Amino acid sequence: MTIDAMTSPSDESQLRQWVDKLAIREVLERYMRYNDDLAADKIAELFDDDARFQVMGQVHVGRDAIRAFFTREGANAPAWTEPGELFKQPEWIHVSSNPVIDVDGGTATAETDFVVLRRNDEGRARPVLIGRYRDRLRRRDDGRWVIVTRTGVSAARPGEERTDAEWAQTLEQMSPSERAQLRT
């Protein structure tokens, strides 16, 4: 018996939504892992062709610009699954948690907390960045979910809670054409 034969249209809709949420979560988690692995090409493929990546007061428009942002020394090295790579340590670990995903047909939003951990000279892990990603996604014609806009918002400094202080400083320094590229 198939799932279609066992479910009502209402059940089918709920099942579709959970399958979509799982697929979106896979995109979000792969982003974190690929970031750890400096896999710039794989990160870029998680984004739509004309995506916006808005982090650290910068706006990167398009898959090529996003790939360039992640391309640095060591980028696109062999994955840990390749021969001889198993014991190589990542520079840092990106951890995501608490994803809240809302699906509306072929579009979705997701808000996910993150922390970036790095070891100090004594070998102890310490957080170097904490914040939240706010994503807009879409389902492509081939059924694959991609990020349309990813905005990174750091946790506030004391006294700046519930403000846009971090981005406000950046916006003041942006030209009107740069500000026009932002998606809010």
Protein backbone atom coordinates (compact mmCIF):
# COMPACT_ATOMS: atom_id res chain seq x y z
CA MET A 1 0.00 0.00 0.00
CA THR A 2 1.34 3.48 -0.85
CA ILE A 3 1.34 6.54 1.39
CA ASP A 4 -1.19 8.12 -0.99
CA ALA A 5 -3.64 5.27 -0.41
CA MET A 6 -3.24 5.50 3.38
CA THR A 7 -3.65 9.26 3.82
CA SER A 8 -6.41 11.78 3.35
CA PRO A 9 -5.75 15.03 1.45
CA SER A 10 -5.31 16.78 4.82
CA ASP A 11 -2.80 14.15 5.97
CA GLU A 12 -1.00 14.42 2.65
CA SER A 13 -0.66 18.18 3.06
CA GLN A 14 0.77 17.77 6.55
CA LEU A 15 3.16 15.08 5.34
CA ARG A 16 4.31 17.35 2.49
CA GLN A 17 4.94 20.15 4.97
CA TRP A 18 7.05 17.90 7.23
CA VAL A 19 9.02 16.59 4.26
CA ASP A 20 9.67 20.20 3.18
CA LYS A 21 10.75 21.18 6.71
CA LEU A 22 13.15 18.25 6.82
CA ALA A 23 14.60 19.18 3.42
CA ILE A 24 15.03 22.80 4.54
CA ARG A 25 16.69 21.71 7.77
CA GLU A 26 19.11 19.64 5.68
CA VAL A 27 20.03 22.80 3.72
CA LEU A 28 20.59 24.76 6.95
CA GLU A 29 22.72 22.02 8.51
CA ARG A 30 24.78 21.46 5.38
CA TYR A 31 25.54 25.19 5.32
CA MET A 32 27.06 24.93 8.80
CA ARG A 33 29.09 21.82 7.99
CA TYR A 34 30.30 23.15 4.65
CA ASN A 35 31.34 26.35 6.44
CA ASP A 36 33.45 24.27 8.86
CA ASP A 37 34.96 22.42 5.92
CA LEU A 38 35.68 25.60 3.90
CA ALA A 39 33.64 24.04 1.08
CA ALA A 40 32.93 27.28 -0.79
CA ASP A 41 31.58 25.54 -3.90
CA LYS A 42 29.17 23.41 -1.87
CA ILE A 43 27.99 26.42 0.17
CA ALA A 44 27.29 28.37 -3.01
CA GLU A 45 25.09 25.55 -4.35
CA LEU A 46 22.80 25.93 -1.31
CA PHE A 47 21.87 29.42 -2.56
CA ASP A 48 19.61 30.57 -5.40
CA ASP A 49 21.29 32.09 -8.47
CA ASP A 50 20.47 35.67 -7.42
CA ALA A 51 20.52 35.11 -3.65
CA ARG A 52 21.47 37.73 -1.11
CA PHE A 53 23.87 36.86 1.73
CA GLN A 54 23.78 39.63 4.36
CA VAL A 55 26.32 39.15 7.15
CA MET A 56 28.85 41.17 9.12
CA GLY A 57 27.59 44.39 7.56
CA GLN A 58 28.19 43.13 4.04
CA VAL A 59 25.81 42.18 1.25
CA HIS A 60 26.90 39.58 -1.28
CA VAL A 61 24.58 39.26 -4.28
CA GLY A 62 24.51 36.13 -6.42
CA ARG A 63 25.92 32.68 -6.10
CA ASP A 64 29.34 33.68 -7.51
CA ALA A 65 29.74 36.51 -4.97
CA ILE A 66 28.74 34.15 -2.15
CA ARG A 67 31.26 31.58 -3.36
CA ALA A 68 33.95 34.29 -3.46
CA PHE A 69 33.14 35.33 0.12
CA PHE A 70 33.85 31.78 1.33
CA THR A 71 36.89 31.20 -0.88
CA ARG A 72 40.08 31.61 1.13
CA GLU A 73 43.22 29.62 1.80
CA GLY A 74 42.26 25.99 2.22
CA ALA A 75 38.87 26.38 0.53
CA ASN A 76 37.44 23.40 -1.33
CA ALA A 77 39.94 20.97 0.19
CA PRO A 78 39.04 17.28 0.07
CA ALA A 79 36.15 16.26 2.32
CA TRP A 80 36.81 14.17 5.43
CA THR A 81 35.31 11.19 3.58
CA GLU A 82 38.19 11.23 1.07
CA PRO A 83 41.15 8.89 1.65
CA GLY A 84 43.62 10.26 4.19
CA GLU A 85 41.33 13.05 5.40
CA LEU A 86 39.53 11.45 8.36
CA PHE A 87 41.74 12.84 11.15
CA LYS A 88 42.16 16.40 9.85
CA GLN A 89 40.68 18.90 12.29
CA PRO A 90 38.43 21.79 11.29
CA GLU A 91 39.52 25.29 12.29
CA TRP A 92 36.21 25.91 14.03
CA ILE A 93 32.81 24.34 14.55
CA HIS A 94 29.55 26.03 13.56
CA VAL A 95 26.61 24.75 15.59
CA SER A 96 23.01 25.51 14.71
CA SER A 97 20.00 24.94 16.90
CA ASN A 98 16.37 25.80 17.51
CA PRO A 99 15.29 26.13 13.86
CA VAL A 100 11.83 27.58 13.41
CA ILE A 101 10.71 26.80 9.86
CA ASP A 102 7.47 28.01 8.31
CA VAL A 103 6.51 26.66 4.89
CA ASP A 104 3.99 28.34 2.61
CA GLY A 105 3.72 26.33 -0.59
CA GLY A 106 6.95 26.79 -2.53
CA THR A 107 8.45 29.39 -0.18
CA ALA A 108 9.59 29.26 3.41
CA THR A 109 11.21 31.22 6.19
CA ALA A 110 13.60 29.85 8.78
CA GLU A 111 15.16 31.37 11.86
CA THR A 112 18.05 29.42 13.37
CA ASP A 113 20.33 30.20 16.30
CA PHE A 114 24.04 29.59 15.84
CA VAL A 115 27.28 29.58 17.76
CA VAL A 116 30.79 29.40 16.34
CA LEU A 117 33.30 27.62 18.57
CA ARG A 118 37.06 27.65 18.36
CA ARG A 119 39.73 26.18 20.61
CA ASN A 120 42.15 28.48 22.42
CA ASP A 121 45.86 27.81 22.94
CA GLU A 122 45.09 25.63 25.97
CA GLY A 123 42.75 23.50 23.86
CA ARG A 124 39.54 24.71 25.48
CA ALA A 125 36.58 25.45 23.26
CA ARG A 126 35.28 29.00 23.45
CA PRO A 127 32.48 30.75 21.61
CA VAL A 128 33.72 33.36 19.17
CA LEU A 129 30.35 34.37 17.72
CA ILE A 130 26.72 33.83 18.60
CA GLY A 131 23.69 34.95 16.69
CA ARG A 132 20.78 34.04 14.53
CA TYR A 133 20.29 33.42 10.83
CA ARG A 134 17.06 34.62 9.27
CA ASP A 135 16.45 32.89 5.96
CA ARG A 136 14.01 33.07 3.09
CA LEU A 137 13.98 29.97 0.88
CA ARG A 138 12.22 28.69 -2.19
CA ARG A 139 11.59 25.31 -3.75
CA ARG A 140 13.09 25.16 -7.21
CA ASP A 141 11.33 23.52 -10.13
CA ASP A 142 13.47 20.41 -9.56
CA GLY A 143 12.07 20.20 -5.98
CA ARG A 144 15.30 21.25 -4.26
CA TRP A 145 15.12 23.96 -1.59
CA VAL A 146 17.61 26.86 -1.88
CA ILE A 147 18.32 29.94 0.19
CA VAL A 148 17.07 33.16 -1.40
CA THR A 149 18.18 35.50 1.40
CA ARG A 150 20.31 34.73 4.44
CA THR A 151 20.75 37.49 7.01
CA GLY A 152 23.05 37.06 9.97
CA VAL A 153 22.23 38.94 13.15
CA SER A 154 24.69 38.73 16.05
CA ALA A 155 23.52 38.55 19.64
CA ALA A 156 23.34 42.07 21.06
CA ARG A 157 25.97 43.72 23.16
CA PRO A 158 24.78 44.85 26.59
CA GLY A 159 22.51 47.87 26.21
CA GLU A 160 21.77 47.19 22.55
CA GLU A 161 19.17 44.45 23.05
CA ARG A 162 16.16 44.59 20.70
CA THR A 163 17.82 47.23 18.52
CA ASP A 164 19.41 47.13 15.09
CA ALA A 165 22.53 48.91 16.39
CA GLU A 166 24.99 46.58 14.69
CA TRP A 167 23.40 46.90 11.26
CA ALA A 168 22.52 50.61 11.78
CA GLN A 169 26.21 51.51 11.99
CA THR A 170 26.87 49.59 8.80
CA LEU A 171 23.89 51.11 6.99
CA GLU A 172 25.18 54.61 7.75
CA GLN A 173 28.42 53.76 5.97
CA MET A 174 26.74 52.18 2.93
CA SER A 175 26.10 54.06 -0.27
CA PRO A 176 22.49 54.30 -1.46
CA SER A 177 23.22 51.69 -4.16
CA GLU A 178 24.61 49.29 -1.54
CA ARG A 179 21.58 49.84 0.72
CA ALA A 180 19.32 49.15 -2.27
CA GLN A 181 20.79 45.65 -2.50
CA LEU A 182 19.59 44.74 1.00
CA ARG A 183 16.53 42.58 1.39
CA THR A 184 14.58 43.22 4.55
